[in-house]
Amino acid sequence: LLHPLFNGTGTVSQITLQRTGRVHQYSCKQCL
């Protein structure tokens, strides 16, 4: 679905995707 590109010095713990009015939250399998 998605290839995000992150840049910075923080930590990404969760990504939220939205389609057709529905919100789905996905927890990272490897949040580094």
ModelCIF file with pLDDT and N, C-alpha, C, O atoms, coordinates in Angstrom:
data_MODEL
#
_entry.id   MODEL 
#
_entity.id                         1 
_entity.type                       polymer 
_entity.pdbx_number_of_molecules   1 
#
_entity_poly.entity_id                      1 
_entity_poly.type                           'polypeptide(L)' 
_entity_poly.nstd_linkage                   no 
_entity_poly.nstd_monomer                   no 
_entity_poly.pdbx_seq_one_letter_code       LLHPLFNGTGTVSQITLQRTGRVHQYSCKQCL 
_entity_poly.pdbx_seq_one_letter_code_can   LLHPLFNGTGTVSQITLQRTGRVHQYSCKQCL 
_entity_poly.pdbx_strand_id                 A 
#
loop_
_entity_poly_seq.entity_id 
_entity_poly_seq.num 
_entity_poly_seq.mon_id 
_entity_poly_seq.hetero 
1 1  LEU n 
1 2  LEU n 
1 3  HIS n 
1 4  PRO n 
1 5  LEU n 
1 6  PHE n 
1 7  ASN n 
1 8  GLY n 
1 9  THR n 
1 10 GLY n 
1 11 THR n 
1 12 VAL n 
1 13 SER n 
1 14 GLN n 
1 15 ILE n 
1 16 THR n 
1 17 LEU n 
1 18 GLN n 
1 19 ARG n 
1 20 THR n 
1 21 GLY n 
1 22 ARG n 
1 23 VAL n 
1 24 HIS n 
1 25 GLN n 
1 26 TYR n 
1 27 SER n 
1 28 CYS n 
1 29 LYS n 
1 30 GLN n 
1 31 CYS n 
1 32 LEU n 
#
_struct_asym.id          A 
_struct_asym.entity_id   1 
#
loop_
_ma_qa_metric.id 
_ma_qa_metric.mode 
_ma_qa_metric.name 
_ma_qa_metric.software_group_id 
_ma_qa_metric.type 
1 global pLDDT . pLDDT 
2 local  pLDDT . pLDDT 
#
_ma_qa_metric_global.metric_id      1 
_ma_qa_metric_global.metric_value   61.09 
_ma_qa_metric_global.model_id       1 
_ma_qa_metric_global.ordinal_id     1 
#
loop_
_ma_qa_metric_local.label_asym_id 
_ma_qa_metric_local.label_comp_id 
_ma_qa_metric_local.label_seq_id 
_ma_qa_metric_local.metric_id 
_ma_qa_metric_local.metric_value 
_ma_qa_metric_local.model_id 
_ma_qa_metric_local.ordinal_id 
A LEU 1  2 70.00 1 1  
A LEU 2  2 76.00 1 2  
A HIS 3  2 80.00 1 3  
A PRO 4  2 81.00 1 4  
A LEU 5  2 78.00 1 5  
A PHE 6  2 73.00 1 6  
A ASN 7  2 78.00 1 7  
A GLY 8  2 74.00 1 8  
A THR 9  2 68.00 1 9  
A GLY 10 2 62.00 1 10 
A THR 11 2 60.00 1 11 
A VAL 12 2 63.00 1 12 
A SER 13 2 57.00 1 13 
A GLN 14 2 60.00 1 14 
A ILE 15 2 66.00 1 15 
A THR 16 2 67.00 1 16 
A LEU 17 2 65.00 1 17 
A GLN 18 2 63.00 1 18 
A ARG 19 2 61.00 1 19 
A THR 20 2 60.00 1 20 
A GLY 21 2 50.00 1 21 
A ARG 22 2 54.00 1 22 
A VAL 23 2 49.00 1 23 
A HIS 24 2 52.00 1 24 
A GLN 25 2 52.00 1 25 
A TYR 26 2 49.00 1 26 
A SER 27 2 49.00 1 27 
A CYS 28 2 51.00 1 28 
A LYS 29 2 46.00 1 29 
A GLN 30 2 46.00 1 30 
A CYS 31 2 48.00 1 31 
A LEU 32 2 47.00 1 32 
#
loop_
_atom_site.group_PDB 
_atom_site.id 
_atom_site.type_symbol 
_atom_site.label_atom_id 
_atom_site.label_alt_id 
_atom_site.label_comp_id 
_atom_site.label_asym_id 
_atom_site.label_entity_id 
_atom_site.label_seq_id 
_atom_site.pdbx_PDB_ins_code 
_atom_site.Cartn_x 
_atom_site.Cartn_y 
_atom_site.Cartn_z 
_atom_site.occupancy 
_atom_site.B_iso_or_equiv 
_atom_site.pdbx_formal_charge 
_atom_site.auth_seq_id 
_atom_site.auth_comp_id 
_atom_site.auth_asym_id 
_atom_site.auth_atom_id 
_atom_site.pdbx_PDB_model_num 
ATOM 1   N N  . LEU A 1 1  ? 0.792   -1.222 0.000  1.00 70.00 ? 1  LEU A N  1 
ATOM 2   C CA . LEU A 1 1  ? 0.000   0.000  0.000  1.00 70.00 ? 1  LEU A CA 1 
ATOM 3   C C  . LEU A 1 1  ? 0.830   1.280  0.000  1.00 70.00 ? 1  LEU A C  1 
ATOM 4   O O  . LEU A 1 1  ? 0.446   2.271  -0.621 1.00 70.00 ? 1  LEU A O  1 
ATOM 5   N N  . LEU A 1 2  ? 1.957   1.263  0.688  1.00 76.00 ? 2  LEU A N  1 
ATOM 6   C CA . LEU A 1 2  ? 2.630   2.535  0.940  1.00 76.00 ? 2  LEU A CA 1 
ATOM 7   C C  . LEU A 1 2  ? 4.110   2.317  1.178  1.00 76.00 ? 2  LEU A C  1 
ATOM 8   O O  . LEU A 1 2  ? 4.512   1.360  1.840  1.00 76.00 ? 2  LEU A O  1 
ATOM 9   N N  . HIS A 1 3  ? 4.925   3.222  0.626  1.00 80.00 ? 3  HIS A N  1 
ATOM 10  C CA . HIS A 1 3  ? 6.353   3.256  0.899  1.00 80.00 ? 3  HIS A CA 1 
ATOM 11  C C  . HIS A 1 3  ? 6.696   4.639  1.463  1.00 80.00 ? 3  HIS A C  1 
ATOM 12  O O  . HIS A 1 3  ? 7.100   5.522  0.706  1.00 80.00 ? 3  HIS A O  1 
ATOM 13  N N  . PRO A 1 4  ? 6.543   4.844  2.776  1.00 81.00 ? 4  PRO A N  1 
ATOM 14  C CA . PRO A 1 4  ? 6.859   6.160  3.337  1.00 81.00 ? 4  PRO A CA 1 
ATOM 15  C C  . PRO A 1 4  ? 8.367   6.339  3.488  1.00 81.00 ? 4  PRO A C  1 
ATOM 16  O O  . PRO A 1 4  ? 9.112   5.374  3.663  1.00 81.00 ? 4  PRO A O  1 
ATOM 17  N N  . LEU A 1 5  ? 8.790   7.577  3.416  1.00 78.00 ? 5  LEU A N  1 
ATOM 18  C CA . LEU A 1 5  ? 10.202  7.923  3.588  1.00 78.00 ? 5  LEU A CA 1 
ATOM 19  C C  . LEU A 1 5  ? 10.301  8.852  4.787  1.00 78.00 ? 5  LEU A C  1 
ATOM 20  O O  . LEU A 1 5  ? 9.766   9.961  4.772  1.00 78.00 ? 5  LEU A O  1 
ATOM 21  N N  . PHE A 1 6  ? 11.001  8.382  5.844  1.00 73.00 ? 6  PHE A N  1 
ATOM 22  C CA . PHE A 1 6  ? 11.127  9.161  7.062  1.00 73.00 ? 6  PHE A CA 1 
ATOM 23  C C  . PHE A 1 6  ? 12.509  9.807  7.132  1.00 73.00 ? 6  PHE A C  1 
ATOM 24  O O  . PHE A 1 6  ? 13.509  9.246  6.683  1.00 73.00 ? 6  PHE A O  1 
ATOM 25  N N  . ASN A 1 7  ? 12.525  10.984 7.700  1.00 78.00 ? 7  ASN A N  1 
ATOM 26  C CA . ASN A 1 7  ? 13.787  11.683 7.879  1.00 78.00 ? 7  ASN A CA 1 
ATOM 27  C C  . ASN A 1 7  ? 13.711  12.479 9.179  1.00 78.00 ? 7  ASN A C  1 
ATOM 28  O O  . ASN A 1 7  ? 12.722  13.170 9.425  1.00 78.00 ? 7  ASN A O  1 
ATOM 29  N N  . GLY A 1 8  ? 14.759  12.387 10.022 1.00 74.00 ? 8  GLY A N  1 
ATOM 30  C CA . GLY A 1 8  ? 14.765  13.121 11.273 1.00 74.00 ? 8  GLY A CA 1 
ATOM 31  C C  . GLY A 1 8  ? 15.480  12.348 12.368 1.00 74.00 ? 8  GLY A C  1 
ATOM 32  O O  . GLY A 1 8  ? 16.258  11.435 12.093 1.00 74.00 ? 8  GLY A O  1 
ATOM 33  N N  . THR A 1 9  ? 15.208  12.722 13.614 1.00 68.00 ? 9  THR A N  1 
ATOM 34  C CA . THR A 1 9  ? 15.908  12.098 14.742 1.00 68.00 ? 9  THR A CA 1 
ATOM 35  C C  . THR A 1 9  ? 14.942  11.535 15.782 1.00 68.00 ? 9  THR A C  1 
ATOM 36  O O  . THR A 1 9  ? 15.370  11.221 16.893 1.00 68.00 ? 9  THR A O  1 
ATOM 37  N N  . GLY A 1 10 ? 13.665  11.397 15.466 1.00 62.00 ? 10 GLY A N  1 
ATOM 38  C CA . GLY A 1 10 ? 12.698  10.881 16.422 1.00 62.00 ? 10 GLY A CA 1 
ATOM 39  C C  . GLY A 1 10 ? 12.471  9.389  16.255 1.00 62.00 ? 10 GLY A C  1 
ATOM 40  O O  . GLY A 1 10 ? 13.273  8.698  15.626 1.00 62.00 ? 10 GLY A O  1 
ATOM 41  N N  . THR A 1 11 ? 11.366  8.890  16.823 1.00 60.00 ? 11 THR A N  1 
ATOM 42  C CA . THR A 1 11 ? 11.006  7.481  16.755 1.00 60.00 ? 11 THR A CA 1 
ATOM 43  C C  . THR A 1 11 ? 9.582   7.361  16.243 1.00 60.00 ? 11 THR A C  1 
ATOM 44  O O  . THR A 1 11 ? 8.674   8.003  16.770 1.00 60.00 ? 11 THR A O  1 
ATOM 45  N N  . VAL A 1 12 ? 9.383   6.546  15.221 1.00 63.00 ? 12 VAL A N  1 
ATOM 46  C CA . VAL A 1 12 ? 8.052   6.306  14.658 1.00 63.00 ? 12 VAL A CA 1 
ATOM 47  C C  . VAL A 1 12 ? 7.467   5.081  15.336 1.00 63.00 ? 12 VAL A C  1 
ATOM 48  O O  . VAL A 1 12 ? 8.065   4.006  15.290 1.00 63.00 ? 12 VAL A O  1 
ATOM 49  N N  . SER A 1 13 ? 6.308   5.226  15.964 1.00 57.00 ? 13 SER A N  1 
ATOM 50  C CA . SER A 1 13 ? 5.693   4.111  16.680 1.00 57.00 ? 13 SER A CA 1 
ATOM 51  C C  . SER A 1 13 ? 4.396   3.643  16.041 1.00 57.00 ? 13 SER A C  1 
ATOM 52  O O  . SER A 1 13 ? 3.945   2.537  16.342 1.00 57.00 ? 13 SER A O  1 
ATOM 53  N N  . GLN A 1 14 ? 3.776   4.437  15.171 1.00 60.00 ? 14 GLN A N  1 
ATOM 54  C CA . GLN A 1 14 ? 2.485   4.048  14.602 1.00 60.00 ? 14 GLN A CA 1 
ATOM 55  C C  . GLN A 1 14 ? 2.230   4.796  13.307 1.00 60.00 ? 14 GLN A C  1 
ATOM 56  O O  . GLN A 1 14 ? 2.626   5.951  13.152 1.00 60.00 ? 14 GLN A O  1 
ATOM 57  N N  . ILE A 1 15 ? 1.563   4.125  12.379 1.00 66.00 ? 15 ILE A N  1 
ATOM 58  C CA . ILE A 1 15 ? 1.162   4.734  11.103 1.00 66.00 ? 15 ILE A CA 1 
ATOM 59  C C  . ILE A 1 15 ? -0.352  4.602  10.985 1.00 66.00 ? 15 ILE A C  1 
ATOM 60  O O  . ILE A 1 15 ? -0.896  3.525  11.229 1.00 66.00 ? 15 ILE A O  1 
ATOM 61  N N  . THR A 1 16 ? -1.035  5.673  10.617 1.00 67.00 ? 16 THR A N  1 
ATOM 62  C CA . THR A 1 16 ? -2.484  5.647  10.434 1.00 67.00 ? 16 THR A CA 1 
ATOM 63  C C  . THR A 1 16 ? -2.809  5.845  8.958  1.00 67.00 ? 16 THR A C  1 
ATOM 64  O O  . THR A 1 16 ? -2.376  6.819  8.341  1.00 67.00 ? 16 THR A O  1 
ATOM 65  N N  . LEU A 1 17 ? -3.582  4.902  8.394  1.00 65.00 ? 17 LEU A N  1 
ATOM 66  C CA . LEU A 1 17 ? -4.020  4.981  7.000  1.00 65.00 ? 17 LEU A CA 1 
ATOM 67  C C  . LEU A 1 17 ? -5.527  5.202  6.952  1.00 65.00 ? 17 LEU A C  1 
ATOM 68  O O  . LEU A 1 17 ? -6.255  4.689  7.802  1.00 65.00 ? 17 LEU A O  1 
ATOM 69  N N  . GLN A 1 18 ? -6.001  5.960  5.965  1.00 63.00 ? 18 GLN A N  1 
ATOM 70  C CA . GLN A 1 18 ? -7.429  6.223  5.845  1.00 63.00 ? 18 GLN A CA 1 
ATOM 71  C C  . GLN A 1 18 ? -7.880  5.958  4.414  1.00 63.00 ? 18 GLN A C  1 
ATOM 72  O O  . GLN A 1 18 ? -7.230  6.377  3.457  1.00 63.00 ? 18 GLN A O  1 
ATOM 73  N N  . ARG A 1 19 ? -9.020  5.245  4.282  1.00 61.00 ? 19 ARG A N  1 
ATOM 74  C CA . ARG A 1 19 ? -9.602  5.021  2.957  1.00 61.00 ? 19 ARG A CA 1 
ATOM 75  C C  . ARG A 1 19 ? -11.126 5.063  3.084  1.00 61.00 ? 19 ARG A C  1 
ATOM 76  O O  . ARG A 1 19 ? -11.687 4.504  4.027  1.00 61.00 ? 19 ARG A O  1 
ATOM 77  N N  . THR A 1 20 ? -11.770 5.699  2.170  1.00 60.00 ? 20 THR A N  1 
ATOM 78  C CA . THR A 1 20 ? -13.231 5.759  2.070  1.00 60.00 ? 20 THR A CA 1 
ATOM 79  C C  . THR A 1 20 ? -13.892 6.022  3.427  1.00 60.00 ? 20 THR A C  1 
ATOM 80  O O  . THR A 1 20 ? -14.877 5.379  3.791  1.00 60.00 ? 20 THR A O  1 
ATOM 81  N N  . GLY A 1 21 ? -13.330 6.973  4.155  1.00 50.00 ? 21 GLY A N  1 
ATOM 82  C CA . GLY A 1 21 ? -13.940 7.366  5.407  1.00 50.00 ? 21 GLY A CA 1 
ATOM 83  C C  . GLY A 1 21 ? -13.611 6.478  6.590  1.00 50.00 ? 21 GLY A C  1 
ATOM 84  O O  . GLY A 1 21 ? -13.967 6.812  7.721  1.00 50.00 ? 21 GLY A O  1 
ATOM 85  N N  . ARG A 1 22 ? -12.931 5.339  6.361  1.00 54.00 ? 22 ARG A N  1 
ATOM 86  C CA . ARG A 1 22 ? -12.573 4.471  7.468  1.00 54.00 ? 22 ARG A CA 1 
ATOM 87  C C  . ARG A 1 22 ? -11.113 4.708  7.878  1.00 54.00 ? 22 ARG A C  1 
ATOM 88  O O  . ARG A 1 22 ? -10.234 4.911  7.041  1.00 54.00 ? 22 ARG A O  1 
ATOM 89  N N  . VAL A 1 23 ? -10.897 4.673  9.169  1.00 49.00 ? 23 VAL A N  1 
ATOM 90  C CA . VAL A 1 23 ? -9.542  4.875  9.667  1.00 49.00 ? 23 VAL A CA 1 
ATOM 91  C C  . VAL A 1 23 ? -9.008  3.546  10.200 1.00 49.00 ? 23 VAL A C  1 
ATOM 92  O O  . VAL A 1 23 ? -9.656  2.888  11.014 1.00 49.00 ? 23 VAL A O  1 
ATOM 93  N N  . HIS A 1 24 ? -7.835  3.166  9.739  1.00 52.00 ? 24 HIS A N  1 
ATOM 94  C CA . HIS A 1 24 ? -7.199  1.931  10.198 1.00 52.00 ? 24 HIS A CA 1 
ATOM 95  C C  . HIS A 1 24 ? -5.840  2.292  10.795 1.00 52.00 ? 24 HIS A C  1 
ATOM 96  O O  . HIS A 1 24 ? -5.054  3.015  10.183 1.00 52.00 ? 24 HIS A O  1 
ATOM 97  N N  . GLN A 1 25 ? -5.574  1.779  11.995 1.00 52.00 ? 25 GLN A N  1 
ATOM 98  C CA . GLN A 1 25 ? -4.284  2.004  12.627 1.00 52.00 ? 25 GLN A CA 1 
ATOM 99  C C  . GLN A 1 25 ? -3.470  0.723  12.574 1.00 52.00 ? 25 GLN A C  1 
ATOM 100 O O  . GLN A 1 25 ? -3.972  -0.362 12.865 1.00 52.00 ? 25 GLN A O  1 
ATOM 101 N N  . TYR A 1 26 ? -2.224  0.865  12.204 1.00 49.00 ? 26 TYR A N  1 
ATOM 102 C CA . TYR A 1 26 ? -1.331  -0.277 12.097 1.00 49.00 ? 26 TYR A CA 1 
ATOM 103 C C  . TYR A 1 26 ? -0.138  -0.052 13.018 1.00 49.00 ? 26 TYR A C  1 
ATOM 104 O O  . TYR A 1 26 ? 0.524   0.983  12.948 1.00 49.00 ? 26 TYR A O  1 
ATOM 105 N N  . SER A 1 27 ? 0.126   -1.008 13.862 1.00 49.00 ? 27 SER A N  1 
ATOM 106 C CA . SER A 1 27 ? 1.324   -0.931 14.709 1.00 49.00 ? 27 SER A CA 1 
ATOM 107 C C  . SER A 1 27 ? 2.512   -1.469 13.934 1.00 49.00 ? 27 SER A C  1 
ATOM 108 O O  . SER A 1 27 ? 2.399   -2.453 13.202 1.00 49.00 ? 27 SER A O  1 
ATOM 109 N N  . CYS A 1 28 ? 3.635   -0.825 14.100 1.00 51.00 ? 28 CYS A N  1 
ATOM 110 C CA . CYS A 1 28 ? 4.830   -1.260 13.387 1.00 51.00 ? 28 CYS A CA 1 
ATOM 111 C C  . CYS A 1 28 ? 5.303   -2.617 13.897 1.00 51.00 ? 28 CYS A C  1 
ATOM 112 O O  . CYS A 1 28 ? 5.316   -2.868 15.102 1.00 51.00 ? 28 CYS A O  1 
ATOM 113 N N  . LYS A 1 29 ? 5.687   -3.478 12.978 1.00 46.00 ? 29 LYS A N  1 
ATOM 114 C CA . LYS A 1 29 ? 6.315   -4.732 13.386 1.00 46.00 ? 29 LYS A CA 1 
ATOM 115 C C  . LYS A 1 29 ? 7.732   -4.484 13.889 1.00 46.00 ? 29 LYS A C  1 
ATOM 116 O O  . LYS A 1 29 ? 8.206   -5.171 14.795 1.00 46.00 ? 29 LYS A O  1 
ATOM 117 N N  . GLN A 1 30 ? 8.388   -3.525 13.314 1.00 46.00 ? 30 GLN A N  1 
ATOM 118 C CA . GLN A 1 30 ? 9.721   -3.136 13.758 1.00 46.00 ? 30 GLN A CA 1 
ATOM 119 C C  . GLN A 1 30 ? 9.786   -1.615 13.751 1.00 46.00 ? 30 GLN A C  1 
ATOM 120 O O  . GLN A 1 30 ? 10.166  -1.013 12.747 1.00 46.00 ? 30 GLN A O  1 
ATOM 121 N N  . CYS A 1 31 ? 9.426   -1.006 14.843 1.00 48.00 ? 31 CYS A N  1 
ATOM 122 C CA . CYS A 1 31 ? 9.433   0.450  14.940 1.00 48.00 ? 31 CYS A CA 1 
ATOM 123 C C  . CYS A 1 31 ? 10.793  0.888  15.441 1.00 48.00 ? 31 CYS A C  1 
ATOM 124 O O  . CYS A 1 31 ? 11.081  0.796  16.634 1.00 48.00 ? 31 CYS A O  1 
ATOM 125 N N  . LEU A 1 32 ? 11.617  1.357  14.548 1.00 47.00 ? 32 LEU A N  1 
ATOM 126 C CA . LEU A 1 32 ? 12.995  1.679  14.893 1.00 47.00 ? 32 LEU A CA 1 
ATOM 127 C C  . LEU A 1 32 ? 13.216  3.179  14.910 1.00 47.00 ? 32 LEU A C  1 
ATOM 128 O O  . LEU A 1 32 ? 14.326  3.636  15.183 1.00 47.00 ? 32 LEU A O  1 
#
